[in-house]
Amino acid sequence: MKLYRTKKFLSVGVVGMILYTVMSATTTYANSSSDSVTGDGRKDTYVNGIVYQLSAEVVGLQKQAFVLARLQLDNALKHPERYDKPLAIVTDVDQTIMSDTTYQATMINKPGTWDNGPRKGYYHAVASTADQPIPGAVEFFNYAKSKGVTIFYITNRAYDTKELAVAQLQHFGFPDADDLHVMPMNEAREFNKDVRRAEVAKNYDVILYLGDNISDFTSAFKKELGPINRTKLALSDTYEKKWGTEWIVLPNATYGDYIPTVWYNKPEANRNEATRELFHYWDYTNPQWNTWYDGFVKD
């Protein structure tokens, strides 16, 4: 692909030569072990996300999410006439109430490839005190429990690690951390959480869902829709009023459905190209966007 681009740029003369030189310098930078954080181009695409996930800004967003969750919980408790069944909250675990960014940071520093983990070694990180509760999570769920609300933890951790999930939640003081209320994937590794959510809804009125991935709320945002259509769907009449009321979203810039959605059904070798295509769509010079202010001197 690079050779093809080189020939193409060379064929258009001096301008092409300049562009080629710039691209070559960029490619060298991306693949240089001294200039690259990881020494691998694909892994480098996750670096800023991991740095952001470990930032003060994200801590602020996490605390903000649980402040909002408590406000919505209190509002629901003021109106018991709206509910016929006992109240419950459904939450995801990783990057919603427990941080697993330490694993991502570890994989970035290890030699070899890594792409939208988790992968091997993930549960060793979970079993360490490096993985800590998200700020505000333990306090919020214990507050909810004190108000008579039942907590369910629907996670896509492997079915044979349920004991670890229960132990981790108990270790850090989360309520309802037991075999009944912790619901990982089944043995068939069904990623879709709809069945587990429906199981809870049979006996409870769920007043809040918390997660870091849209699949923690609904399976409607399918990867085949692509990133642009998924974004539009989030603002559609069906879902627009759920954000911040029924659905509380925690930030996760390190991994999630939003990443493979960009390159869905494309070969692994085309992943970076798929990302570039997405950026081209949002490029402000794309003809789809109109300039509403014309006061600046043109470049």
C-alpha atoms as a PDB file:
ATOM      1  CA  MET A   1       0.000   0.000   0.000  1.00  0.00           C
ATOM      2  CA  LYS A   2       2.803   2.419   0.852  1.00  0.00           C
ATOM      3  CA  LEU A   3       4.612   1.603  -2.411  1.00  0.00           C
ATOM      4  CA  TYR A   4       1.453   2.284  -4.396  1.00  0.00           C
ATOM      5  CA  ARG A   5       1.006   5.608  -2.641  1.00  0.00           C
ATOM      6  CA  THR A   6       4.626   6.505  -3.321  1.00  0.00           C
ATOM      7  CA  LYS A   7       4.319   5.916  -7.054  1.00  0.00           C
ATOM      8  CA  LYS A   8       1.045   7.788  -7.144  1.00  0.00           C
ATOM      9  CA  PHE A   9       2.476  10.835  -5.439  1.00  0.00           C
ATOM     10  CA  LEU A  10       5.660  10.854  -7.504  1.00  0.00           C
ATOM     11  CA  SER A  11       3.607  10.886 -10.675  1.00  0.00           C
ATOM     12  CA  VAL A  12       2.087  14.277  -9.922  1.00  0.00           C
ATOM     13  CA  GLY A  13       5.382  16.165  -9.798  1.00  0.00           C
ATOM     14  CA  VAL A  14       6.816  18.538  -7.253  1.00  0.00           C
ATOM     15  CA  VAL A  15       3.680  18.829  -5.094  1.00  0.00           C
ATOM     16  CA  GLY A  16       3.463  15.085  -4.955  1.00  0.00           C
ATOM     17  CA  MET A  17       7.133  14.866  -3.966  1.00  0.00           C
ATOM     18  CA  ILE A  18       6.521  17.245  -1.062  1.00  0.00           C
ATOM     19  CA  LEU A  19       3.525  15.253   0.112  1.00  0.00           C
ATOM     20  CA  TYR A  20       5.452  12.026  -0.198  1.00  0.00           C
ATOM     21  CA  THR A  21       8.324  13.432   1.836  1.00  0.00           C
ATOM     22  CA  VAL A  22       5.965  14.506   4.595  1.00  0.00           C
ATOM     23  CA  MET A  23       4.229  11.130   4.608  1.00  0.00           C
ATOM     24  CA  SER A  24       7.528   9.280   4.692  1.00  0.00           C
ATOM     25  CA  ALA A  25       8.684  11.324   7.654  1.00  0.00           C
ATOM     26  CA  THR A  26       5.409  10.624   9.452  1.00  0.00           C
ATOM     27  CA  THR A  27       5.657   6.900   8.733  1.00  0.00           C
ATOM     28  CA  THR A  28       9.243   6.797   9.975  1.00  0.00           C
ATOM     29  CA  TYR A  29       8.183   8.572  13.147  1.00  0.00           C
ATOM     30  CA  ALA A  30       5.302   6.164  13.760  1.00  0.00           C
ATOM     31  CA  ASN A  31       7.447   3.072  13.306  1.00  0.00           C
ATOM     32  CA  SER A  32      10.568   4.231  15.100  1.00  0.00           C
ATOM     33  CA  SER A  33      11.114   2.573  18.455  1.00  0.00           C
ATOM     34  CA  SER A  34      12.811   5.733  19.757  1.00  0.00           C
ATOM     35  CA  ASP A  35      10.007   8.082  18.735  1.00  0.00           C
ATOM     36  CA  SER A  36       7.092   5.687  19.178  1.00  0.00           C
ATOM     37  CA  VAL A  37       5.714   5.043  22.648  1.00  0.00           C
ATOM     38  CA  THR A  38       5.170   1.350  21.966  1.00  0.00           C
ATOM     39  CA  GLY A  39       7.304   0.600  18.896  1.00  0.00           C
ATOM     40  CA  ASP A  40       4.152  -0.585  17.119  1.00  0.00           C
ATOM     41  CA  GLY A  41       1.913   1.603  14.976  1.00  0.00           C
ATOM     42  CA  ARG A  42      -1.379  -0.036  15.962  1.00  0.00           C
ATOM     43  CA  LYS A  43      -0.600   0.007  19.676  1.00  0.00           C
ATOM     44  CA  ASP A  44       0.319   3.687  19.442  1.00  0.00           C
ATOM     45  CA  THR A  45      -3.270   4.500  18.479  1.00  0.00           C
ATOM     46  CA  TYR A  46      -4.330   3.617  22.048  1.00  0.00           C
ATOM     47  CA  VAL A  47      -1.748   5.703  23.879  1.00  0.00           C
ATOM     48  CA  ASN A  48      -3.715   8.953  24.168  1.00  0.00           C
ATOM     49  CA  GLY A  49      -6.843   7.052  25.202  1.00  0.00           C
ATOM     50  CA  ILE A  50      -5.018   5.389  28.077  1.00  0.00           C
ATOM     51  CA  VAL A  51      -3.399   8.667  29.140  1.00  0.00           C
ATOM     52  CA  TYR A  52      -6.837  10.301  29.094  1.00  0.00           C
ATOM     53  CA  GLN A  53      -8.381   7.457  31.094  1.00  0.00           C
ATOM     54  CA  LEU A  54      -5.785   8.074  33.814  1.00  0.00           C
ATOM     55  CA  SER A  55      -6.361  11.844  33.859  1.00  0.00           C
ATOM     56  CA  ALA A  56      -7.912  14.257  36.326  1.00  0.00           C
ATOM     57  CA  GLU A  57     -10.501  15.084  33.669  1.00  0.00           C
ATOM     58  CA  VAL A  58     -11.782  11.511  33.606  1.00  0.00           C
ATOM     59  CA  VAL A  59     -11.832  11.326  37.399  1.00  0.00           C
ATOM     60  CA  GLY A  60     -14.027  14.428  37.279  1.00  0.00           C
ATOM     61  CA  LEU A  61     -16.366  12.812  34.736  1.00  0.00           C
ATOM     62  CA  GLN A  62     -16.576   9.664  36.838  1.00  0.00           C
ATOM     63  CA  LYS A  63     -17.446  11.570  39.999  1.00  0.00           C
ATOM     64  CA  GLN A  64     -19.922  13.626  37.991  1.00  0.00           C
ATOM     65  CA  ALA A  65     -21.622  10.469  36.711  1.00  0.00           C
ATOM     66  CA  PHE A  66     -22.276   9.185  40.220  1.00  0.00           C
ATOM     67  CA  VAL A  67     -23.501  12.576  41.419  1.00  0.00           C
ATOM     68  CA  LEU A  68     -25.992  12.489  38.544  1.00  0.00           C
ATOM     69  CA  ALA A  69     -26.907   8.877  39.314  1.00  0.00           C
ATOM     70  CA  ARG A  70     -27.707   9.787  42.913  1.00  0.00           C
ATOM     71  CA  LEU A  71     -29.885  12.695  41.804  1.00  0.00           C
ATOM     72  CA  GLN A  72     -31.840  10.403  39.483  1.00  0.00           C
ATOM     73  CA  LEU A  73     -32.115   7.743  42.176  1.00  0.00           C
ATOM     74  CA  ASP A  74     -33.463  10.246  44.690  1.00  0.00           C
ATOM     75  CA  ASN A  75     -35.939  11.504  42.114  1.00  0.00           C
ATOM     76  CA  ALA A  76     -37.193   7.960  41.505  1.00  0.00           C
ATOM     77  CA  LEU A  77     -37.543   7.288  45.225  1.00  0.00           C
ATOM     78  CA  LYS A  78     -39.819  10.326  45.546  1.00  0.00           C
ATOM     79  CA  HIS A  79     -42.357   8.666  43.256  1.00  0.00           C
ATOM     80  CA  PRO A  80     -42.991   5.107  44.489  1.00  0.00           C
ATOM     81  CA  GLU A  81     -46.397   5.171  42.789  1.00  0.00           C
ATOM     82  CA  ARG A  82     -44.639   4.808  39.433  1.00  0.00           C
ATOM     83  CA  TYR A  83     -43.394   1.309  40.232  1.00  0.00           C
ATOM     84  CA  ASP A  84     -45.100  -2.047  40.702  1.00  0.00           C
ATOM     85  CA  LYS A  85     -42.071  -4.163  41.590  1.00  0.00           C
ATOM     86  CA  PRO A  86     -39.041  -3.797  43.867  1.00  0.00           C
ATOM     87  CA  LEU A  87     -36.473  -1.308  42.558  1.00  0.00           C
ATOM     88  CA  ALA A  88     -33.129  -2.297  41.092  1.00  0.00           C
ATOM     89  CA  ILE A  89     -30.088  -0.785  39.436  1.00  0.00           C
ATOM     90  CA  VAL A  90     -28.168  -2.660  36.742  1.00  0.00           C
ATOM     91  CA  THR A  91     -24.511  -1.845  36.257  1.00  0.00           C
ATOM     92  CA  ASP A  92     -21.573  -3.001  34.203  1.00  0.00           C
ATOM     93  CA  VAL A  93     -18.318  -3.646  36.090  1.00  0.00           C
ATOM     94  CA  ASP A  94     -15.131  -2.835  34.158  1.00  0.00           C
ATOM     95  CA  GLN A  95     -14.575   0.887  33.547  1.00  0.00           C
ATOM     96  CA  THR A  96     -17.989   1.549  35.054  1.00  0.00           C
ATOM     97  CA  ILE A  97     -17.417   0.728  38.718  1.00  0.00           C
ATOM     98  CA  MET A  98     -13.930  -0.864  38.587  1.00  0.00           C
ATOM     99  CA  SER A  99     -10.965   0.543  36.684  1.00  0.00           C
ATOM    100  CA  ASP A 100      -9.025  -1.867  34.485  1.00  0.00           C
ATOM    101  CA  THR A 101      -6.803   0.767  32.837  1.00  0.00           C
ATOM    102  CA  THR A 102      -3.787  -0.699  34.627  1.00  0.00           C
ATOM    103  CA  TYR A 103      -4.061  -3.708  32.334  1.00  0.00           C
ATOM    104  CA  GLN A 104      -4.139  -1.532  29.222  1.00  0.00           C
ATOM    105  CA  ALA A 105      -1.090   0.389  30.450  1.00  0.00           C
ATOM    106  CA  THR A 106       0.732  -2.891  31.072  1.00  0.00           C
ATOM    107  CA  MET A 107      -0.015  -4.206  27.581  1.00  0.00           C
ATOM    108  CA  ILE A 108       1.135  -0.970  25.948  1.00  0.00           C
ATOM    109  CA  ASN A 109       4.524  -1.344  27.648  1.00  0.00           C
ATOM    110  CA  LYS A 110       4.939  -4.992  26.677  1.00  0.00           C
ATOM    111  CA  PRO A 111       6.615  -5.924  23.371  1.00  0.00           C
ATOM    112  CA  GLY A 112       4.418  -7.299  20.630  1.00  0.00           C
ATOM    113  CA  THR A 113       1.023  -6.360  19.231  1.00  0.00           C
ATOM    114  CA  TRP A 114      -2.098  -5.366  21.128  1.00  0.00           C
ATOM    115  CA  ASP A 115      -5.333  -4.157  19.600  1.00  0.00           C
ATOM    116  CA  ASN A 116      -8.514  -3.262  21.478  1.00  0.00           C
ATOM    117  CA  GLY A 117      -7.831  -5.665  24.368  1.00  0.00           C
ATOM    118  CA  PRO A 118      -8.441  -7.150  26.902  1.00  0.00           C
ATOM    119  CA  ARG A 119      -6.395 -10.226  26.149  1.00  0.00           C
ATOM    120  CA  LYS A 120      -4.268 -12.764  28.001  1.00  0.00           C
ATOM    121  CA  GLY A 121      -3.390 -11.765  31.544  1.00  0.00           C
ATOM    122  CA  TYR A 122      -6.439  -9.583  32.042  1.00  0.00           C
ATOM    123  CA  TYR A 123      -7.746 -11.430  35.075  1.00  0.00           C
ATOM    124  CA  HIS A 124      -4.347 -11.293  36.781  1.00  0.00           C
ATOM    125  CA  ALA A 125      -4.740  -7.506  36.724  1.00  0.00           C
ATOM    126  CA  VAL A 126      -8.296  -7.769  38.041  1.00  0.00           C
ATOM    127  CA  ALA A 127      -7.042  -9.854  40.970  1.00  0.00           C
ATOM    128  CA  SER A 128      -4.543  -7.194  42.025  1.00  0.00           C
ATOM    129  CA  THR A 129      -4.998  -4.009  44.025  1.00  0.00           C
ATOM    130  CA  ALA A 130      -3.790  -2.067  40.991  1.00  0.00           C
ATOM    131  CA  ASP A 131      -7.406  -2.210  39.794  1.00  0.00           C
ATOM    132  CA  GLN A 132      -9.352   0.165  42.024  1.00  0.00           C
ATOM    133  CA  PRO A 133     -13.010   1.203  42.220  1.00  0.00           C
ATOM    134  CA  ILE A 134     -14.074   4.098  40.012  1.00  0.00           C
ATOM    135  CA  PRO A 135     -14.285   7.225  42.213  1.00  0.00           C
ATOM    136  CA  GLY A 136     -17.768   7.541  43.661  1.00  0.00           C
ATOM    137  CA  ALA A 137     -18.920   4.029  42.758  1.00  0.00           C
ATOM    138  CA  VAL A 138     -18.748   2.261  46.123  1.00  0.00           C
ATOM    139  CA  GLU A 139     -20.393   5.183  47.890  1.00  0.00           C
ATOM    140  CA  PHE A 140     -23.214   5.434  45.354  1.00  0.00           C
ATOM    141  CA  PHE A 141     -24.150   1.762  45.370  1.00  0.00           C
ATOM    142  CA  ASN A 142     -24.089   1.508  49.138  1.00  0.00           C
ATOM    143  CA  TYR A 143     -26.312   4.570  49.271  1.00  0.00           C
ATOM    144  CA  ALA A 144     -28.720   2.907  46.818  1.00  0.00           C
ATOM    145  CA  LYS A 145     -28.683  -0.278  48.898  1.00  0.00           C
ATOM    146  CA  SER A 146     -29.465   1.726  52.052  1.00  0.00           C
ATOM    147  CA  LYS A 147     -32.600   2.947  50.278  1.00  0.00           C
ATOM    148  CA  GLY A 148     -33.766  -0.606  49.610  1.00  0.00           C
ATOM    149  CA  VAL A 149     -32.618  -0.774  45.987  1.00  0.00           C
ATOM    150  CA  THR A 150     -31.137  -4.080  44.744  1.00  0.00           C
ATOM    151  CA  ILE A 151     -27.958  -4.023  42.661  1.00  0.00           C
ATOM    152  CA  PHE A 152     -27.227  -6.344  39.729  1.00  0.00           C
ATOM    153  CA  TYR A 153     -23.809  -6.529  38.106  1.00  0.00           C
ATOM    154  CA  ILE A 154     -24.107  -7.591  34.447  1.00  0.00           C
ATOM    155  CA  THR A 155     -20.594  -8.023  33.083  1.00  0.00           C
ATOM    156  CA  ASN A 156     -19.094  -9.623  30.014  1.00  0.00           C
ATOM    157  CA  ARG A 157     -16.304 -11.229  31.941  1.00  0.00           C
ATOM    158  CA  ALA A 158     -15.949 -14.964  31.210  1.00  0.00           C
ATOM    159  CA  TYR A 159     -18.399 -17.321  32.934  1.00  0.00           C
ATOM    160  CA  ASP A 160     -15.587 -19.245  34.656  1.00  0.00           C
ATOM    161  CA  THR A 161     -14.281 -16.067  36.362  1.00  0.00           C
ATOM    162  CA  LYS A 162     -17.501 -15.334  38.248  1.00  0.00           C
ATOM    163  CA  GLU A 163     -15.919 -16.305  41.564  1.00  0.00           C
ATOM    164  CA  LEU A 164     -13.203 -13.711  40.986  1.00  0.00           C
ATOM    165  CA  ALA A 165     -15.772 -11.041  40.072  1.00  0.00           C
ATOM    166  CA  VAL A 166     -17.752 -11.718  43.253  1.00  0.00           C
ATOM    167  CA  ALA A 167     -14.587 -11.699  45.359  1.00  0.00           C
ATOM    168  CA  GLN A 168     -13.357  -8.437  43.804  1.00  0.00           C
ATOM    169  CA  LEU A 169     -16.629  -6.632  44.416  1.00  0.00           C
ATOM    170  CA  GLN A 170     -16.796  -7.936  47.981  1.00  0.00           C
ATOM    171  CA  HIS A 171     -13.169  -6.956  48.586  1.00  0.00           C
ATOM    172  CA  PHE A 172     -13.867  -3.334  47.703  1.00  0.00           C
ATOM    173  CA  GLY A 173     -17.163  -3.127  49.590  1.00  0.00           C
ATOM    174  CA  PHE A 174     -19.843  -3.232  46.896  1.00  0.00           C
ATOM    175  CA  PRO A 175     -23.301  -4.383  48.079  1.00  0.00           C
ATOM    176  CA  ASP A 176     -25.148  -7.438  46.699  1.00  0.00           C
ATOM    177  CA  ALA A 177     -21.841  -8.932  45.570  1.00  0.00           C
ATOM    178  CA  ASP A 178     -22.844 -12.593  45.409  1.00  0.00           C
ATOM    179  CA  ASP A 179     -23.639 -15.405  42.980  1.00  0.00           C
ATOM    180  CA  LEU A 180     -27.221 -14.236  42.491  1.00  0.00           C
ATOM    181  CA  HIS A 181     -26.468 -10.616  41.646  1.00  0.00           C
ATOM    182  CA  VAL A 182     -23.231 -10.946  39.638  1.00  0.00           C
ATOM    183  CA  MET A 183     -24.099 -12.029  36.093  1.00  0.00           C
ATOM    184  CA  PRO A 184     -21.165 -12.704  33.722  1.00  0.00           C
ATOM    185  CA  MET A 185     -21.380 -14.209  30.237  1.00  0.00           C
ATOM    186  CA  ASN A 186     -22.689 -17.752  30.025  1.00  0.00           C
ATOM    187  CA  GLU A 187     -20.624 -20.728  28.907  1.00  0.00           C
ATOM    188  CA  ALA A 188     -21.566 -20.019  25.282  1.00  0.00           C
ATOM    189  CA  ARG A 189     -19.882 -16.605  25.676  1.00  0.00           C
ATOM    190  CA  GLU A 190     -22.972 -14.658  24.584  1.00  0.00           C
ATOM    191  CA  PHE A 191     -21.822 -11.043  24.528  1.00  0.00           C
ATOM    192  CA  ASN A 192     -25.337  -9.612  24.135  1.00  0.00           C
ATOM    193  CA  LYS A 193     -26.648  -8.533  27.552  1.00  0.00           C
ATOM    194  CA  ASP A 194     -30.322  -8.300  26.576  1.00  0.00           C
ATOM    195  CA  VAL A 195     -31.243 -11.718  27.992  1.00  0.00           C
ATOM    196  CA  ARG A 196     -29.636 -10.971  31.346  1.00  0.00           C
ATOM    197  CA  ARG A 197     -31.273  -7.537  31.514  1.00  0.00           C
ATOM    198  CA  ALA A 198     -34.647  -9.107  30.752  1.00  0.00           C
ATOM    199  CA  GLU A 199     -34.103 -11.669  33.496  1.00  0.00           C
ATOM    200  CA  VAL A 200     -33.666  -8.891  36.053  1.00  0.00           C
ATOM    201  CA  ALA A 201     -36.658  -6.968  34.679  1.00  0.00           C
ATOM    202  CA  LYS A 202     -38.977  -9.938  35.320  1.00  0.00           C
ATOM    203  CA  ASN A 203     -38.891  -9.316  39.051  1.00  0.00           C
ATOM    204  CA  TYR A 204     -37.669  -5.726  39.383  1.00  0.00           C
ATOM    205  CA  ASP A 205     -38.343  -2.256  38.056  1.00  0.00           C
ATOM    206  CA  VAL A 206     -34.901  -1.124  36.901  1.00  0.00           C
ATOM    207  CA  ILE A 207     -34.597   2.595  37.518  1.00  0.00           C
ATOM    208  CA  LEU A 208     -31.011   3.056  36.311  1.00  0.00           C
ATOM    209  CA  TYR A 209     -28.522   1.374  34.032  1.00  0.00           C
ATOM    210  CA  LEU A 210     -24.830   2.277  34.300  1.00  0.00           C
ATOM    211  CA  GLY A 211     -22.131   1.401  31.782  1.00  0.00           C
ATOM    212  CA  ASP A 212     -19.212   2.602  29.703  1.00  0.00           C
ATOM    213  CA  ASN A 213     -20.311   0.924  26.457  1.00  0.00           C
ATOM    214  CA  ILE A 214     -23.650   1.312  24.675  1.00  0.00           C
ATOM    215  CA  SER A 215     -24.090  -2.460  24.756  1.00  0.00           C
ATOM    216  CA  ASP A 216     -24.453  -2.028  28.548  1.00  0.00           C
ATOM    217  CA  PHE A 217     -27.818  -0.397  27.788  1.00  0.00           C
ATOM    218  CA  THR A 218     -29.120  -1.933  24.558  1.00  0.00           C
ATOM    219  CA  SER A 219     -28.005  -4.169  21.701  1.00  0.00           C
ATOM    220  CA  ALA A 220     -29.527  -1.816  19.110  1.00  0.00           C
ATOM    221  CA  PHE A 221     -26.231  -0.065  18.303  1.00  0.00           C
ATOM    222  CA  LYS A 222     -24.880  -2.847  16.117  1.00  0.00           C
ATOM    223  CA  LYS A 223     -21.370  -2.637  14.701  1.00  0.00           C
ATOM    224  CA  GLU A 224     -22.609  -3.016  11.134  1.00  0.00           C
ATOM    225  CA  LEU A 225     -24.321   0.377  11.422  1.00  0.00           C
ATOM    226  CA  GLY A 226     -20.897   2.001  11.363  1.00  0.00           C
ATOM    227  CA  PRO A 227     -19.688   4.814  13.641  1.00  0.00           C
ATOM    228  CA  ILE A 228     -21.567   7.658  11.931  1.00  0.00           C
ATOM    229  CA  ASN A 229     -24.984   5.989  11.954  1.00  0.00           C
ATOM    230  CA  ARG A 230     -24.490   4.801  15.542  1.00  0.00           C
ATOM    231  CA  THR A 231     -23.820   8.393  16.576  1.00  0.00           C
ATOM    232  CA  LYS A 232     -26.965   9.558  14.799  1.00  0.00           C
ATOM    233  CA  LEU A 233     -28.961   6.783  16.474  1.00  0.00           C
ATOM    234  CA  ALA A 234     -27.794   7.977  19.898  1.00  0.00           C
ATOM    235  CA  LEU A 235     -29.496  11.315  19.200  1.00  0.00           C
ATOM    236  CA  SER A 236     -32.658   9.829  17.710  1.00  0.00           C
ATOM    237  CA  ASP A 237     -36.070  10.221  19.331  1.00  0.00           C
ATOM    238  CA  THR A 238     -35.818   6.641  20.620  1.00  0.00           C
ATOM    239  CA  TYR A 239     -32.762   7.211  22.813  1.00  0.00           C
ATOM    240  CA  GLU A 240     -32.118  10.924  23.184  1.00  0.00           C
ATOM    241  CA  LYS A 241     -34.030  11.293  26.463  1.00  0.00           C
ATOM    242  CA  LYS A 242     -32.477   8.232  28.123  1.00  0.00           C
ATOM    243  CA  TRP A 243     -29.004   9.746  28.541  1.00  0.00           C
ATOM    244  CA  GLY A 244     -28.552  11.022  32.073  1.00  0.00           C
ATOM    245  CA  THR A 245     -32.027   9.914  33.146  1.00  0.00           C
ATOM    246  CA  GLU A 246     -32.260   6.127  32.763  1.00  0.00           C
ATOM    247  CA  TRP A 247     -28.781   5.609  31.330  1.00  0.00           C
ATOM    248  CA  ILE A 248     -25.625   6.868  33.054  1.00  0.00           C
ATOM    249  CA  VAL A 249     -22.506   6.600  30.884  1.00  0.00           C
ATOM    250  CA  LEU A 250     -18.982   6.413  32.293  1.00  0.00           C
ATOM    251  CA  PRO A 251     -16.035   7.497  30.096  1.00  0.00           C
ATOM    252  CA  ASN A 252     -13.819   4.807  28.578  1.00  0.00           C
ATOM    253  CA  ALA A 253     -11.350   5.941  25.950  1.00  0.00           C
ATOM    254  CA  THR A 254      -9.294   2.736  25.993  1.00  0.00           C
ATOM    255  CA  TYR A 255     -11.528   0.037  24.492  1.00  0.00           C
ATOM    256  CA  GLY A 256     -15.132  -0.714  23.560  1.00  0.00           C
ATOM    257  CA  ASP A 257     -17.557  -1.399  20.722  1.00  0.00           C
ATOM    258  CA  TYR A 258     -16.859   2.008  19.210  1.00  0.00           C
ATOM    259  CA  ILE A 259     -13.415   0.833  18.060  1.00  0.00           C
ATOM    260  CA  PRO A 260     -14.256  -2.320  16.024  1.00  0.00           C
ATOM    261  CA  THR A 261     -17.315  -0.489  14.706  1.00  0.00           C
ATOM    262  CA  VAL A 262     -14.924   1.683  12.677  1.00  0.00           C
ATOM    263  CA  TRP A 263     -13.414  -1.283  10.840  1.00  0.00           C
ATOM    264  CA  TYR A 264     -16.321  -3.731  10.984  1.00  0.00           C
ATOM    265  CA  ASN A 265     -16.015  -6.470   8.311  1.00  0.00           C
ATOM    266  CA  LYS A 266     -12.704  -5.072   7.039  1.00  0.00           C
ATOM    267  CA  PRO A 267      -9.400  -6.990   6.963  1.00  0.00           C
ATOM    268  CA  GLU A 268      -6.998  -6.349   9.814  1.00  0.00           C
ATOM    269  CA  ALA A 269      -4.561  -4.708   7.405  1.00  0.00           C
ATOM    270  CA  ASN A 270      -7.171  -2.045   6.583  1.00  0.00           C
ATOM    271  CA  ARG A 271      -7.908  -0.898  10.130  1.00  0.00           C
ATOM    272  CA  ASN A 272      -5.857   2.284   9.948  1.00  0.00           C
ATOM    273  CA  GLU A 273      -7.319   3.080   6.551  1.00  0.00           C
ATOM    274  CA  ALA A 274     -10.836   2.705   7.990  1.00  0.00           C
ATOM    275  CA  THR A 275      -9.938   5.187  10.720  1.00  0.00           C
ATOM    276  CA  ARG A 276      -8.648   7.649   8.140  1.00  0.00           C
ATOM    277  CA  GLU A 277     -11.918   7.320   6.215  1.00  0.00           C
ATOM    278  CA  LEU A 278     -13.846   8.235   9.358  1.00  0.00           C
ATOM    279  CA  PHE A 279     -11.641  11.289   9.893  1.00  0.00           C
ATOM    280  CA  HIS A 280     -12.162  12.347   6.283  1.00  0.00           C
ATOM    281  CA  TYR A 281     -15.900  12.334   6.896  1.00  0.00           C
ATOM    282  CA  TRP A 282     -15.521  14.684   9.863  1.00  0.00           C
ATOM    283  CA  ASP A 283     -12.868  16.844   8.174  1.00  0.00           C
ATOM    284  CA  TYR A 284     -14.197  20.413   8.263  1.00  0.00           C
ATOM    285  CA  THR A 285     -13.052  20.830   4.641  1.00  0.00           C
ATOM    286  CA  ASN A 286     -15.388  18.024   3.572  1.00  0.00           C
ATOM    287  CA  PRO A 287     -17.828  19.540   1.001  1.00  0.00           C
ATOM    288  CA  GLN A 288     -20.763  18.300   3.093  1.00  0.00           C
ATOM    289  CA  TRP A 289     -20.077  21.090   5.608  1.00  0.00           C
ATOM    290  CA  ASN A 290     -20.963  24.686   4.781  1.00  0.00           C
ATOM    291  CA  THR A 291     -19.094  27.696   6.106  1.00  0.00           C
ATOM    292  CA  TRP A 292     -21.551  29.932   7.941  1.00  0.00           C
ATOM    293  CA  TYR A 293     -18.998  32.649   8.784  1.00  0.00           C
ATOM    294  CA  ASP A 294     -16.845  34.116   6.043  1.00  0.00           C
ATOM    295  CA  GLY A 295     -14.946  36.781   7.946  1.00  0.00           C
ATOM    296  CA  PHE A 296     -11.550  35.068   8.030  1.00  0.00           C
ATOM    297  CA  VAL A 297      -8.923  35.679   5.371  1.00  0.00           C
ATOM    298  CA  LYS A 298      -8.663  32.598   3.185  1.00  0.00           C
ATOM    299  CA  ASP A 299      -5.508  30.490   3.520  1.00  0.00           C
END
